[in-house]
Amino acid sequence: MRTKEGIKASSATYREASKRVAKKLKISLKHSKYPSDDFKEIAEMIPKKIKEKALKWYKMGIHRGLTKATDMMLAGQIYKKGNTVYCPNSFDVRVKTKFSGEAWVNRKHKIGAKDIGFE
């Protein structure tokens, strides 16, 4: 049997969890009469928000890759001779990354020509 105190504590827990999830997702929270329904609704948004963030990072990666390729073409590191495109056997790509609660970190990745489709 549930008591009024138990129901109040359960509702408060749902409200607090909903607030914390909304804050992490950076969305505004609208409370209804039923805290458990509010939590269920906001919890269902998590995969959507993760997908949105993944697509954002994917787009940033494409942008960075095209920028690097264009810079290498302008510098003559990637060039076309006849019907063949040439590039260095390997090259470095520098990026800055920042994860939640952490500082920005400079990273260097070595990319091999074979990794991007060259022979």
PDB file of N, CA and C in Angstrom:
ATOM      1  N   MET A   1       0.835  -1.179   0.000  1.00  0.00           N
ATOM      2  CA  MET A   1       0.000   0.000   0.000  1.00  0.00           C
ATOM      3  C   MET A   1       0.884   1.248   0.000  1.00  0.00           C
ATOM      4  N   ARG A   2       0.577   2.201  -0.868  1.00  0.00           N
ATOM      5  CA  ARG A   2       1.350   3.431  -0.959  1.00  0.00           C
ATOM      6  C   ARG A   2       0.738   4.495  -0.050  1.00  0.00           C
ATOM      7  N   THR A   3       1.592   5.182   0.642  1.00  0.00           N
ATOM      8  CA  THR A   3       1.115   6.267   1.505  1.00  0.00           C
ATOM      9  C   THR A   3       1.239   7.592   0.761  1.00  0.00           C
ATOM     10  N   LYS A   4       0.584   8.619   1.290  1.00  0.00           N
ATOM     11  CA  LYS A   4       0.676   9.942   0.669  1.00  0.00           C
ATOM     12  C   LYS A   4       2.122  10.438   0.667  1.00  0.00           C
ATOM     13  N   GLU A   5       2.850  10.137   1.754  1.00  0.00           N
ATOM     14  CA  GLU A   5       4.241  10.571   1.840  1.00  0.00           C
ATOM     15  C   GLU A   5       5.083   9.873   0.770  1.00  0.00           C
ATOM     16  N   GLY A   6       4.820   8.589   0.557  1.00  0.00           N
ATOM     17  CA  GLY A   6       5.549   7.839  -0.467  1.00  0.00           C
ATOM     18  C   GLY A   6       5.258   8.359  -1.864  1.00  0.00           C
ATOM     19  N   ILE A   7       4.022   8.703  -2.123  1.00  0.00           N
ATOM     20  CA  ILE A   7       3.631   9.244  -3.432  1.00  0.00           C
ATOM     21  C   ILE A   7       4.287  10.607  -3.646  1.00  0.00           C
ATOM     22  N   LYS A   8       4.298  11.440  -2.593  1.00  0.00           N
ATOM     23  CA  LYS A   8       4.931  12.751  -2.699  1.00  0.00           C
ATOM     24  C   LYS A   8       6.428  12.613  -2.977  1.00  0.00           C
ATOM     25  N   ALA A   9       7.070  11.694  -2.284  1.00  0.00           N
ATOM     26  CA  ALA A   9       8.510  11.493  -2.484  1.00  0.00           C
ATOM     27  C   ALA A   9       8.775  10.989  -3.895  1.00  0.00           C
ATOM     28  N   SER A  10       7.945  10.064  -4.370  1.00  0.00           N
ATOM     29  CA  SER A  10       8.100   9.538  -5.717  1.00  0.00           C
ATOM     30  C   SER A  10       7.916  10.649  -6.750  1.00  0.00           C
ATOM     31  N   SER A  11       6.906  11.465  -6.575  1.00  0.00           N
ATOM     32  CA  SER A  11       6.652  12.574  -7.494  1.00  0.00           C
ATOM     33  C   SER A  11       7.811  13.565  -7.494  1.00  0.00           C
ATOM     34  N   ALA A  12       8.321  13.865  -6.307  1.00  0.00           N
ATOM     35  CA  ALA A  12       9.450  14.795  -6.196  1.00  0.00           C
ATOM     36  C   ALA A  12      10.679  14.228  -6.902  1.00  0.00           C
ATOM     37  N   THR A  13      10.879  12.931  -6.782  1.00  0.00           N
ATOM     38  CA  THR A  13      12.010  12.282  -7.445  1.00  0.00           C
ATOM     39  C   THR A  13      11.872  12.395  -8.967  1.00  0.00           C
ATOM     40  N   TYR A  14      10.675  12.124  -9.478  1.00  0.00           N
ATOM     41  CA  TYR A  14      10.433  12.265 -10.919  1.00  0.00           C
ATOM     42  C   TYR A  14      10.677  13.707 -11.375  1.00  0.00           C
ATOM     43  N   ARG A  15      10.189  14.672 -10.603  1.00  0.00           N
ATOM     44  CA  ARG A  15      10.366  16.076 -10.975  1.00  0.00           C
ATOM     45  C   ARG A  15      11.851  16.439 -11.017  1.00  0.00           C
ATOM     46  N   GLU A  16      12.590  16.019  -9.999  1.00  0.00           N
ATOM     47  CA  GLU A  16      14.016  16.338  -9.937  1.00  0.00           C
ATOM     48  C   GLU A  16      14.767  15.669 -11.089  1.00  0.00           C
ATOM     49  N   ALA A  17      14.459  14.417 -11.354  1.00  0.00           N
ATOM     50  CA  ALA A  17      15.108  13.707 -12.473  1.00  0.00           C
ATOM     51  C   ALA A  17      14.785  14.393 -13.790  1.00  0.00           C
ATOM     52  N   SER A  18      13.540  14.797 -13.966  1.00  0.00           N
ATOM     53  CA  SER A  18      13.128  15.485 -15.197  1.00  0.00           C
ATOM     54  C   SER A  18      13.890  16.793 -15.359  1.00  0.00           C
ATOM     55  N   LYS A  19      14.038  17.542 -14.265  1.00  0.00           N
ATOM     56  CA  LYS A  19      14.761  18.815 -14.320  1.00  0.00           C
ATOM     57  C   LYS A  19      16.218  18.604 -14.725  1.00  0.00           C
ATOM     58  N   ARG A  20      16.837  17.588 -14.148  1.00  0.00           N
ATOM     59  CA  ARG A  20      18.245  17.328 -14.453  1.00  0.00           C
ATOM     60  C   ARG A  20      18.441  16.885 -15.900  1.00  0.00           C
ATOM     61  N   VAL A  21      17.560  16.029 -16.392  1.00  0.00           N
ATOM     62  CA  VAL A  21      17.663  15.567 -17.782  1.00  0.00           C
ATOM     63  C   VAL A  21      17.429  16.747 -18.727  1.00  0.00           C
ATOM     64  N   ALA A  22      16.431  17.572 -18.444  1.00  0.00           N
ATOM     65  CA  ALA A  22      16.138  18.739 -19.285  1.00  0.00           C
ATOM     66  C   ALA A  22      17.335  19.689 -19.330  1.00  0.00           C
ATOM     67  N   LYS A  23      17.975  19.872 -18.196  1.00  0.00           N
ATOM     68  CA  LYS A  23      19.143  20.756 -18.146  1.00  0.00           C
ATOM     69  C   LYS A  23      20.270  20.205 -19.023  1.00  0.00           C
ATOM     70  N   LYS A  24      20.522  18.900 -18.950  1.00  0.00           N
ATOM     71  CA  LYS A  24      21.573  18.284 -19.770  1.00  0.00           C
ATOM     72  C   LYS A  24      21.236  18.346 -21.252  1.00  0.00           C
ATOM     73  N   LEU A  25      19.949  18.193 -21.580  1.00  0.00           N
ATOM     74  CA  LEU A  25      19.519  18.244 -22.980  1.00  0.00           C
ATOM     75  C   LEU A  25      19.383  19.682 -23.484  1.00  0.00           C
ATOM     76  N   LYS A  26      19.488  20.637 -22.542  1.00  0.00           N
ATOM     77  CA  LYS A  26      19.358  22.060 -22.858  1.00  0.00           C
ATOM     78  C   LYS A  26      18.005  22.368 -23.500  1.00  0.00           C
ATOM     79  N   ILE A  27      16.960  21.882 -22.862  1.00  0.00           N
ATOM     80  CA  ILE A  27      15.596  22.152 -23.323  1.00  0.00           C
ATOM     81  C   ILE A  27      14.773  22.670 -22.148  1.00  0.00           C
ATOM     82  N   SER A  28      13.701  23.392 -22.458  1.00  0.00           N
ATOM     83  CA  SER A  28      12.823  23.864 -21.376  1.00  0.00           C
ATOM     84  C   SER A  28      11.866  22.742 -20.991  1.00  0.00           C
ATOM     85  N   LEU A  29      11.532  22.712 -19.740  1.00  0.00           N
ATOM     86  CA  LEU A  29      10.699  21.647 -19.194  1.00  0.00           C
ATOM     87  C   LEU A  29       9.329  22.199 -18.839  1.00  0.00           C
ATOM     88  N   LYS A  30       8.296  21.510 -19.277  1.00  0.00           N
ATOM     89  CA  LYS A  30       6.924  21.896 -18.928  1.00  0.00           C
ATOM     90  C   LYS A  30       6.350  20.804 -18.034  1.00  0.00           C
ATOM     91  N   HIS A  31       5.995  21.211 -16.822  1.00  0.00           N
ATOM     92  CA  HIS A  31       5.437  20.249 -15.870  1.00  0.00           C
ATOM     93  C   HIS A  31       3.939  20.072 -16.118  1.00  0.00           C
ATOM     94  N   SER A  32       3.524  18.815 -16.083  1.00  0.00           N
ATOM     95  CA  SER A  32       2.090  18.529 -16.151  1.00  0.00           C
ATOM     96  C   SER A  32       1.634  18.112 -14.755  1.00  0.00           C
ATOM     97  N   LYS A  33       0.446  17.603 -14.673  1.00  0.00           N
ATOM     98  CA  LYS A  33      -0.112  17.136 -13.404  1.00  0.00           C
ATOM     99  C   LYS A  33       0.563  15.841 -12.950  1.00  0.00           C
ATOM    100  N   TYR A  34       1.173  15.115 -13.900  1.00  0.00           N
ATOM    101  CA  TYR A  34       1.741  13.798 -13.609  1.00  0.00           C
ATOM    102  C   TYR A  34       3.255  13.771 -13.838  1.00  0.00           C
ATOM    103  N   PRO A  35       4.045  13.868 -12.763  1.00  0.00           N
ATOM    104  CA  PRO A  35       5.501  13.878 -12.892  1.00  0.00           C
ATOM    105  C   PRO A  35       6.070  12.638 -13.598  1.00  0.00           C
ATOM    106  N   SER A  36       5.458  11.480 -13.400  1.00  0.00           N
ATOM    107  CA  SER A  36       5.984  10.273 -14.047  1.00  0.00           C
ATOM    108  C   SER A  36       5.816  10.357 -15.565  1.00  0.00           C
ATOM    109  N   ASP A  37       4.707  10.941 -16.021  1.00  0.00           N
ATOM    110  CA  ASP A  37       4.506  11.136 -17.460  1.00  0.00           C
ATOM    111  C   ASP A  37       5.488  12.163 -18.015  1.00  0.00           C
ATOM    112  N   ASP A  38       5.748  13.202 -17.237  1.00  0.00           N
ATOM    113  CA  ASP A  38       6.726  14.213 -17.656  1.00  0.00           C
ATOM    114  C   ASP A  38       8.098  13.571 -17.846  1.00  0.00           C
ATOM    115  N   PHE A  39       8.484  12.726 -16.883  1.00  0.00           N
ATOM    116  CA  PHE A  39       9.787  12.070 -16.976  1.00  0.00           C
ATOM    117  C   PHE A  39       9.841  11.138 -18.188  1.00  0.00           C
ATOM    118  N   LYS A  40       8.784  10.377 -18.401  1.00  0.00           N
ATOM    119  CA  LYS A  40       8.747   9.460 -19.540  1.00  0.00           C
ATOM    120  C   LYS A  40       8.897  10.231 -20.855  1.00  0.00           C
ATOM    121  N   GLU A  41       8.204  11.363 -20.945  1.00  0.00           N
ATOM    122  CA  GLU A  41       8.258  12.174 -22.168  1.00  0.00           C
ATOM    123  C   GLU A  41       9.664  12.718 -22.415  1.00  0.00           C
ATOM    124  N   ILE A  42      10.290  13.222 -21.359  1.00  0.00           N
ATOM    125  CA  ILE A  42      11.623  13.796 -21.538  1.00  0.00           C
ATOM    126  C   ILE A  42      12.664  12.697 -21.778  1.00  0.00           C
ATOM    127  N   ALA A  43      12.485  11.547 -21.162  1.00  0.00           N
ATOM    128  CA  ALA A  43      13.417  10.439 -21.377  1.00  0.00           C
ATOM    129  C   ALA A  43      13.387   9.963 -22.830  1.00  0.00           C
ATOM    130  N   GLU A  44      12.230  10.045 -23.463  1.00  0.00           N
ATOM    131  CA  GLU A  44      12.110   9.644 -24.861  1.00  0.00           C
ATOM    132  C   GLU A  44      12.838  10.601 -25.799  1.00  0.00           C
ATOM    133  N   MET A  45      13.157  11.810 -25.333  1.00  0.00           N
ATOM    134  CA  MET A  45      13.875  12.790 -26.146  1.00  0.00           C
ATOM    135  C   MET A  45      15.366  12.509 -26.207  1.00  0.00           C
ATOM    136  N   ILE A  46      15.872  11.712 -25.288  1.00  0.00           N
ATOM    137  CA  ILE A  46      17.317  11.495 -25.208  1.00  0.00           C
ATOM    138  C   ILE A  46      17.882  10.943 -26.510  1.00  0.00           C
ATOM    139  N   PRO A  47      17.361   9.852 -27.075  1.00  0.00           N
ATOM    140  CA  PRO A  47      17.943   9.361 -28.331  1.00  0.00           C
ATOM    141  C   PRO A  47      17.905  10.401 -29.452  1.00  0.00           C
ATOM    142  N   LYS A  48      16.846  11.208 -29.523  1.00  0.00           N
ATOM    143  CA  LYS A  48      16.742  12.243 -30.548  1.00  0.00           C
ATOM    144  C   LYS A  48      17.861  13.263 -30.369  1.00  0.00           C
ATOM    145  N   LYS A  49      18.093  13.676 -29.135  1.00  0.00           N
ATOM    146  CA  LYS A  49      19.133  14.666 -28.872  1.00  0.00           C
ATOM    147  C   LYS A  49      20.522  14.098 -29.164  1.00  0.00           C
ATOM    148  N   ILE A  50      20.751  12.834 -28.837  1.00  0.00           N
ATOM    149  CA  ILE A  50      22.040  12.209 -29.131  1.00  0.00           C
ATOM    150  C   ILE A  50      22.250  12.144 -30.640  1.00  0.00           C
ATOM    151  N   LYS A  51      21.213  11.795 -31.374  1.00  0.00           N
ATOM    152  CA  LYS A  51      21.297  11.731 -32.834  1.00  0.00           C
ATOM    153  C   LYS A  51      21.604  13.113 -33.406  1.00  0.00           C
ATOM    154  N   GLU A  52      20.929  14.138 -32.898  1.00  0.00           N
ATOM    155  CA  GLU A  52      21.178  15.510 -33.363  1.00  0.00           C
ATOM    156  C   GLU A  52      22.632  15.907 -33.130  1.00  0.00           C
ATOM    157  N   LYS A  53      23.154  15.576 -31.955  1.00  0.00           N
ATOM    158  CA  LYS A  53      24.545  15.924 -31.641  1.00  0.00           C
ATOM    159  C   LYS A  53      25.510  15.146 -32.530  1.00  0.00           C
ATOM    160  N   ALA A  54      25.231  13.859 -32.752  1.00  0.00           N
ATOM    161  CA  ALA A  54      26.093  13.048 -33.622  1.00  0.00           C
ATOM    162  C   ALA A  54      26.116  13.619 -35.036  1.00  0.00           C
ATOM    163  N   LEU A  55      24.954  14.012 -35.552  1.00  0.00           N
ATOM    164  CA  LEU A  55      24.892  14.587 -36.897  1.00  0.00           C
ATOM    165  C   LEU A  55      25.631  15.928 -36.962  1.00  0.00           C
ATOM    166  N   LYS A  56      25.563  16.689 -35.885  1.00  0.00           N
ATOM    167  CA  LYS A  56      26.288  17.962 -35.835  1.00  0.00           C
ATOM    168  C   LYS A  56      27.793  17.704 -35.928  1.00  0.00           C
ATOM    169  N   TRP A  57      28.294  16.736 -35.160  1.00  0.00           N
ATOM    170  CA  TRP A  57      29.720  16.414 -35.186  1.00  0.00           C
ATOM    171  C   TRP A  57      30.130  15.817 -36.535  1.00  0.00           C
ATOM    172  N   TYR A  58      29.245  15.020 -37.124  1.00  0.00           N
ATOM    173  CA  TYR A  58      29.520  14.443 -38.435  1.00  0.00           C
ATOM    174  C   TYR A  58      29.681  15.565 -39.465  1.00  0.00           C
ATOM    175  N   LYS A  59      28.771  16.533 -39.433  1.00  0.00           N
ATOM    176  CA  LYS A  59      28.838  17.665 -40.360  1.00  0.00           C
ATOM    177  C   LYS A  59      30.119  18.467 -40.134  1.00  0.00           C
ATOM    178  N   MET A  60      30.500  18.671 -38.880  1.00  0.00           N
ATOM    179  CA  MET A  60      31.738  19.394 -38.581  1.00  0.00           C
ATOM    180  C   MET A  60      32.943  18.636 -39.123  1.00  0.00           C
ATOM    181  N   GLY A  61      32.913  17.307 -39.044  1.00  0.00           N
ATOM    182  CA  GLY A  61      34.006  16.483 -39.571  1.00  0.00           C
ATOM    183  C   GLY A  61      34.115  16.596 -41.083  1.00  0.00           C
ATOM    184  N   ILE A  62      32.969  16.587 -41.764  1.00  0.00           N
ATOM    185  CA  ILE A  62      32.968  16.751 -43.217  1.00  0.00           C
ATOM    186  C   ILE A  62      33.554  18.116 -43.583  1.00  0.00           C
ATOM    187  N   HIS A  63      33.110  19.138 -42.877  1.00  0.00           N
ATOM    188  CA  HIS A  63      33.608  20.499 -43.121  1.00  0.00           C
ATOM    189  C   HIS A  63      35.119  20.553 -42.942  1.00  0.00           C
ATOM    190  N   ARG A  64      35.603  19.975 -41.847  1.00  0.00           N
ATOM    191  CA  ARG A  64      37.041  19.998 -41.551  1.00  0.00           C
ATOM    192  C   ARG A  64      37.812  19.215 -42.617  1.00  0.00           C
ATOM    193  N   GLY A  65      37.285  18.067 -43.038  1.00  0.00           N
ATOM    194  CA  GLY A  65      37.963  17.261 -44.048  1.00  0.00           C
ATOM    195  C   GLY A  65      38.066  17.969 -45.390  1.00  0.00           C
ATOM    196  N   LEU A  66      36.978  18.604 -45.800  1.00  0.00           N
ATOM    197  CA  LEU A  66      36.999  19.333 -47.070  1.00  0.00           C
ATOM    198  C   LEU A  66      37.936  20.536 -47.006  1.00  0.00           C
ATOM    199  N   THR A  67      37.966  21.198 -45.850  1.00  0.00           N
ATOM    200  CA  THR A  67      38.879  22.332 -45.676  1.00  0.00           C
ATOM    201  C   THR A  67      40.328  21.864 -45.788  1.00  0.00           C
ATOM    202  N   LYS A  68      40.642  20.758 -45.124  1.00  0.00           N
ATOM    203  CA  LYS A  68      42.008  20.217 -45.169  1.00  0.00           C
ATOM    204  C   LYS A  68      42.369  19.814 -46.592  1.00  0.00           C
ATOM    205  N   ALA A  69      41.465  19.138 -47.298  1.00  0.00           N
ATOM    206  CA  ALA A  69      41.738  18.707 -48.675  1.00  0.00           C
ATOM    207  C   ALA A  69      41.958  19.913 -49.588  1.00  0.00           C
ATOM    208  N   THR A  70      41.133  20.939 -49.428  1.00  0.00           N
ATOM    209  CA  THR A  70      41.284  22.145 -50.248  1.00  0.00           C
ATOM    210  C   THR A  70      42.625  22.815 -49.972  1.00  0.00           C
ATOM    211  N   ASP A  71      42.994  22.931 -48.700  1.00  0.00           N
ATOM    212  CA  ASP A  71      44.287  23.524 -48.337  1.00  0.00           C
ATOM    213  C   ASP A  71      45.438  22.724 -48.940  1.00  0.00           C
ATOM    214  N   MET A  72      45.327  21.390 -48.899  1.00  0.00           N
ATOM    215  CA  MET A  72      46.390  20.548 -49.456  1.00  0.00           C
ATOM    216  C   MET A  72      46.468  20.695 -50.980  1.00  0.00           C
ATOM    217  N   MET A  73      45.333  20.872 -51.644  1.00  0.00           N
ATOM    218  CA  MET A  73      45.354  21.091 -53.093  1.00  0.00           C
ATOM    219  C   MET A  73      46.016  22.425 -53.417  1.00  0.00           C
ATOM    220  N   LEU A  74      45.672  23.465 -52.658  1.00  0.00           N
ATOM    221  CA  LEU A  74      46.276  24.782 -52.892  1.00  0.00           C
ATOM    222  C   LEU A  74      47.783  24.747 -52.662  1.00  0.00           C
ATOM    223  N   ALA A  75      48.231  23.922 -51.719  1.00  0.00           N
ATOM    224  CA  ALA A  75      49.660  23.806 -51.419  1.00  0.00           C
ATOM    225  C   ALA A  75      50.368  22.834 -52.371  1.00  0.00           C
ATOM    226  N   GLY A  76      49.619  22.193 -53.261  1.00  0.00           N
ATOM    227  CA  GLY A  76      50.215  21.254 -54.217  1.00  0.00           C
ATOM    228  C   GLY A  76      50.484  19.875 -53.644  1.00  0.00           C
ATOM    229  N   GLN A  77      49.979  19.594 -52.433  1.00  0.00           N
ATOM    230  CA  GLN A  77      50.184  18.275 -51.831  1.00  0.00           C
ATOM    231  C   GLN A  77      49.233  17.238 -52.421  1.00  0.00           C
ATOM    232  N   ILE A  78      48.080  17.682 -52.869  1.00  0.00           N
ATOM    233  CA  ILE A  78      47.141  16.834 -53.608  1.00  0.00           C
ATOM    234  C   ILE A  78      47.040  17.455 -54.996  1.00  0.00           C
ATOM    235  N   TYR A  79      47.268  16.642 -56.003  1.00  0.00           N
ATOM    236  CA  TYR A  79      47.243  17.176 -57.358  1.00  0.00           C
ATOM    237  C   TYR A  79      46.794  16.097 -58.342  1.00  0.00           C
ATOM    238  N   LYS A  80      46.394  16.544 -59.501  1.00  0.00           N
ATOM    239  CA  LYS A  80      45.920  15.645 -60.551  1.00  0.00           C
ATOM    240  C   LYS A  80      46.917  15.669 -61.701  1.00  0.00           C
ATOM    241  N   LYS A  81      47.264  14.480 -62.191  1.00  0.00           N
ATOM    242  CA  LYS A  81      48.157  14.345 -63.341  1.00  0.00           C
ATOM    243  C   LYS A  81      47.478  13.360 -64.282  1.00  0.00           C
ATOM    244  N   GLY A  82      46.988  13.840 -65.402  1.00  0.00           N
ATOM    245  CA  GLY A  82      46.187  13.000 -66.290  1.00  0.00           C
ATOM    246  C   GLY A  82      44.867  12.679 -65.609  1.00  0.00           C
ATOM    247  N   ASN A  83      44.557  11.398 -65.536  1.00  0.00           N
ATOM    248  CA  ASN A  83      43.325  10.965 -64.866  1.00  0.00           C
ATOM    249  C   ASN A  83      43.584  10.429 -63.455  1.00  0.00           C
ATOM    250  N   THR A  84      44.772  10.705 -62.921  1.00  0.00           N
ATOM    251  CA  THR A  84      45.145  10.176 -61.610  1.00  0.00           C
ATOM    252  C   THR A  84      45.319  11.322 -60.608  1.00  0.00           C
ATOM    253  N   VAL A  85      44.807  11.116 -59.392  1.00  0.00           N
ATOM    254  CA  VAL A  85      44.967  12.091 -58.309  1.00  0.00           C
ATOM    255  C   VAL A  85      46.022  11.546 -57.350  1.00  0.00           C
ATOM    256  N   TYR A  86      46.967  12.383 -56.962  1.00  0.00           N
ATOM    257  CA  TYR A  86      48.060  11.994 -56.073  1.00  0.00           C
ATOM    258  C   TYR A  86      47.963  12.758 -54.754  1.00  0.00           C
ATOM    259  N   CYS A  87      48.421  12.097 -53.692  1.00  0.00           N
ATOM    260  CA  CYS A  87      48.503  12.760 -52.385  1.00  0.00           C
ATOM    261  C   CYS A  87      49.648  12.122 -51.600  1.00  0.00           C
ATOM    262  N   PRO A  88      50.080  12.763 -50.503  1.00  0.00           N
ATOM    263  CA  PRO A  88      51.150  12.174 -49.683  1.00  0.00           C
ATOM    264  C   PRO A  88      50.718  10.819 -49.109  1.00  0.00           C
ATOM    265  N   ASN A  89      51.690   9.963 -48.791  1.00  0.00           N
ATOM    266  CA  ASN A  89      51.378   8.659 -48.185  1.00  0.00           C
ATOM    267  C   ASN A  89      50.651   8.813 -46.859  1.00  0.00           C
ATOM    268  N   SER A  90      50.995   9.864 -46.127  1.00  0.00           N
ATOM    269  CA  SER A  90      50.300  10.162 -44.879  1.00  0.00           C
ATOM    270  C   SER A  90      50.415  11.657 -44.605  1.00  0.00           C
ATOM    271  N   PHE A  91      49.499  12.153 -43.792  1.00  0.00           N
ATOM    272  CA  PHE A  91      49.530  13.570 -43.426  1.00  0.00           C
ATOM    273  C   PHE A  91      48.824  13.731 -42.083  1.00  0.00           C
ATOM    274  N   ASP A  92      49.103  14.846 -41.434  1.00  0.00           N
ATOM    275  CA  ASP A  92      48.526  15.128 -40.120  1.00  0.00           C
ATOM    276  C   ASP A  92      47.315  16.040 -40.244  1.00  0.00           C
ATOM    277  N   VAL A  93      46.311  15.774 -39.412  1.00  0.00           N
ATOM    278  CA  VAL A  93      45.151  16.655 -39.287  1.00  0.00           C
ATOM    279  C   VAL A  93      45.068  17.049 -37.818  1.00  0.00           C
ATOM    280  N   ARG A  94      45.036  18.344 -37.588  1.00  0.00           N
ATOM    281  CA  ARG A  94      44.956  18.853 -36.215  1.00  0.00           C
ATOM    282  C   ARG A  94      43.525  19.321 -35.943  1.00  0.00           C
ATOM    283  N   VAL A  95      43.016  18.949 -34.774  1.00  0.00           N
ATOM    284  CA  VAL A  95      41.674  19.355 -34.369  1.00  0.00           C
ATOM    285  C   VAL A  95      41.682  19.717 -32.888  1.00  0.00           C
ATOM    286  N   LYS A  96      40.713  20.528 -32.488  1.00  0.00           N
ATOM    287  CA  LYS A  96      40.496  20.839 -31.080  1.00  0.00           C
ATOM    288  C   LYS A  96      39.191  20.177 -30.685  1.00  0.00           C
ATOM    289  N   THR A  97      39.196  19.493 -29.538  1.00  0.00           N
ATOM    290  CA  THR A  97      37.981  18.846 -29.057  1.00  0.00           C
ATOM    291  C   THR A  97      37.713  19.264 -27.617  1.00  0.00           C
ATOM    292  N   LYS A  98      36.432  19.228 -27.277  1.00  0.00           N
ATOM    293  CA  LYS A  98      36.024  19.553 -25.912  1.00  0.00           C
ATOM    294  C   LYS A  98      34.835  18.669 -25.559  1.00  0.00           C
ATOM    295  N   PHE A  99      34.966  17.941 -24.479  1.00  0.00           N
ATOM    296  CA  PHE A  99      33.880  17.116 -23.992  1.00  0.00           C
ATOM    297  C   PHE A  99      33.272  17.785 -22.766  1.00  0.00           C
ATOM    298  N   SER A 100      32.034  17.468 -22.493  1.00  0.00           N
ATOM    299  CA  SER A 100      31.299  18.078 -21.391  1.00  0.00           C
ATOM    300  C   SER A 100      32.108  18.034 -20.096  1.00  0.00           C
ATOM    301  N   GLY A 101      32.272  19.187 -19.490  1.00  0.00           N
ATOM    302  CA  GLY A 101      32.970  19.277 -18.207  1.00  0.00           C
ATOM    303  C   GLY A 101      34.484  19.248 -18.317  1.00  0.00           C
ATOM    304  N   GLU A 102      35.014  19.219 -19.539  1.00  0.00           N
ATOM    305  CA  GLU A 102      36.464  19.165 -19.730  1.00  0.00           C
ATOM    306  C   GLU A 102      36.946  20.400 -20.479  1.00  0.00           C
ATOM    307  N   ALA A 103      38.247  20.614 -20.469  1.00  0.00           N
ATOM    308  CA  ALA A 103      38.850  21.729 -21.199  1.00  0.00           C
ATOM    309  C   ALA A 103      39.080  21.333 -22.659  1.00  0.00           C
ATOM    310  N   TRP A 104      39.316  22.340 -23.506  1.00  0.00           N
ATOM    311  CA  TRP A 104      39.638  22.081 -24.911  1.00  0.00           C
ATOM    312  C   TRP A 104      40.992  21.380 -24.989  1.00  0.00           C
ATOM    313  N   VAL A 105      41.095  20.408 -25.893  1.00  0.00           N
ATOM    314  CA  VAL A 105      42.337  19.654 -26.078  1.00  0.00           C
ATOM    315  C   VAL A 105      42.702  19.683 -27.559  1.00  0.00           C
ATOM    316  N   ASN A 106      43.975  20.023 -27.852  1.00  0.00           N
ATOM    317  CA  ASN A 106      44.479  19.955 -29.223  1.00  0.00           C
ATOM    318  C   ASN A 106      44.892  18.516 -29.507  1.00  0.00           C
ATOM    319  N   ARG A 107      44.451  17.992 -30.643  1.00  0.00           N
ATOM    320  CA  ARG A 107      44.781  16.617 -31.009  1.00  0.00           C
ATOM    321  C   ARG A 107      45.341  16.592 -32.419  1.00  0.00           C
ATOM    322  N   LYS A 108      46.235  15.637 -32.663  1.00  0.00           N
ATOM    323  CA  LYS A 108      46.812  15.460 -33.983  1.00  0.00           C
ATOM    324  C   LYS A 108      46.548  14.016 -34.419  1.00  0.00           C
ATOM    325  N   HIS A 109      45.981  13.859 -35.606  1.00  0.00           N
ATOM    326  CA  HIS A 109      45.698  12.534 -36.148  1.00  0.00           C
ATOM    327  C   HIS A 109      46.504  12.347 -37.430  1.00  0.00           C
ATOM    328  N   LYS A 110      47.172  11.221 -37.531  1.00  0.00           N
ATOM    329  CA  LYS A 110      47.908  10.890 -38.755  1.00  0.00           C
ATOM    330  C   LYS A 110      46.963  10.094 -39.641  1.00  0.00           C
ATOM    331  N   ILE A 111      46.756  10.573 -40.859  1.00  0.00           N
ATOM    332  CA  ILE A 111      45.859   9.944 -41.817  1.00  0.00           C
ATOM    333  C   ILE A 111      46.700   9.330 -42.928  1.00  0.00           C
ATOM    334  N   GLY A 112      46.476   8.070 -43.207  1.00  0.00           N
ATOM    335  CA  GLY A 112      47.186   7.401 -44.299  1.00  0.00           C
ATOM    336  C   GLY A 112      46.396   7.552 -45.596  1.00  0.00           C
ATOM    337  N   ALA A 113      47.118   7.639 -46.706  1.00  0.00           N
ATOM    338  CA  ALA A 113      46.471   7.781 -48.018  1.00  0.00           C
ATOM    339  C   ALA A 113      45.476   6.631 -48.260  1.00  0.00           C
ATOM    340  N   LYS A 114      45.837   5.430 -47.811  1.00  0.00           N
ATOM    341  CA  LYS A 114      44.938   4.271 -47.998  1.00  0.00           C
ATOM    342  C   LYS A 114      43.655   4.432 -47.191  1.00  0.00           C
ATOM    343  N   ASP A 115      43.737   5.147 -46.070  1.00  0.00           N
ATOM    344  CA  ASP A 115      42.544   5.362 -45.216  1.00  0.00           C
ATOM    345  C   ASP A 115      41.472   6.168 -45.929  1.00  0.00           C
ATOM    346  N   ILE A 116      41.870   6.958 -46.919  1.00  0.00           N
ATOM    347  CA  ILE A 116      40.897   7.808 -47.615  1.00  0.00           C
ATOM    348  C   ILE A 116      40.704   7.380 -49.075  1.00  0.00           C
ATOM    349  N   GLY A 117      41.096   6.152 -49.398  1.00  0.00           N
ATOM    350  CA  GLY A 117      40.778   5.603 -50.716  1.00  0.00           C
ATOM    351  C   GLY A 117      41.880   5.623 -51.750  1.00  0.00           C
ATOM    352  N   PHE A 118      43.087   6.078 -51.391  1.00  0.00           N
ATOM    353  CA  PHE A 118      44.199   6.061 -52.349  1.00  0.00           C
ATOM    354  C   PHE A 118      44.897   4.714 -52.296  1.00  0.00           C
ATOM    355  N   GLU A 119      45.596   4.392 -53.360  1.00  0.00           N
ATOM    356  CA  GLU A 119      46.339   3.108 -53.420  1.00  0.00           C
ATOM    357  C   GLU A 119      47.711   3.224 -52.827  1.00  0.00           C
TER     358      GLU A 119
END
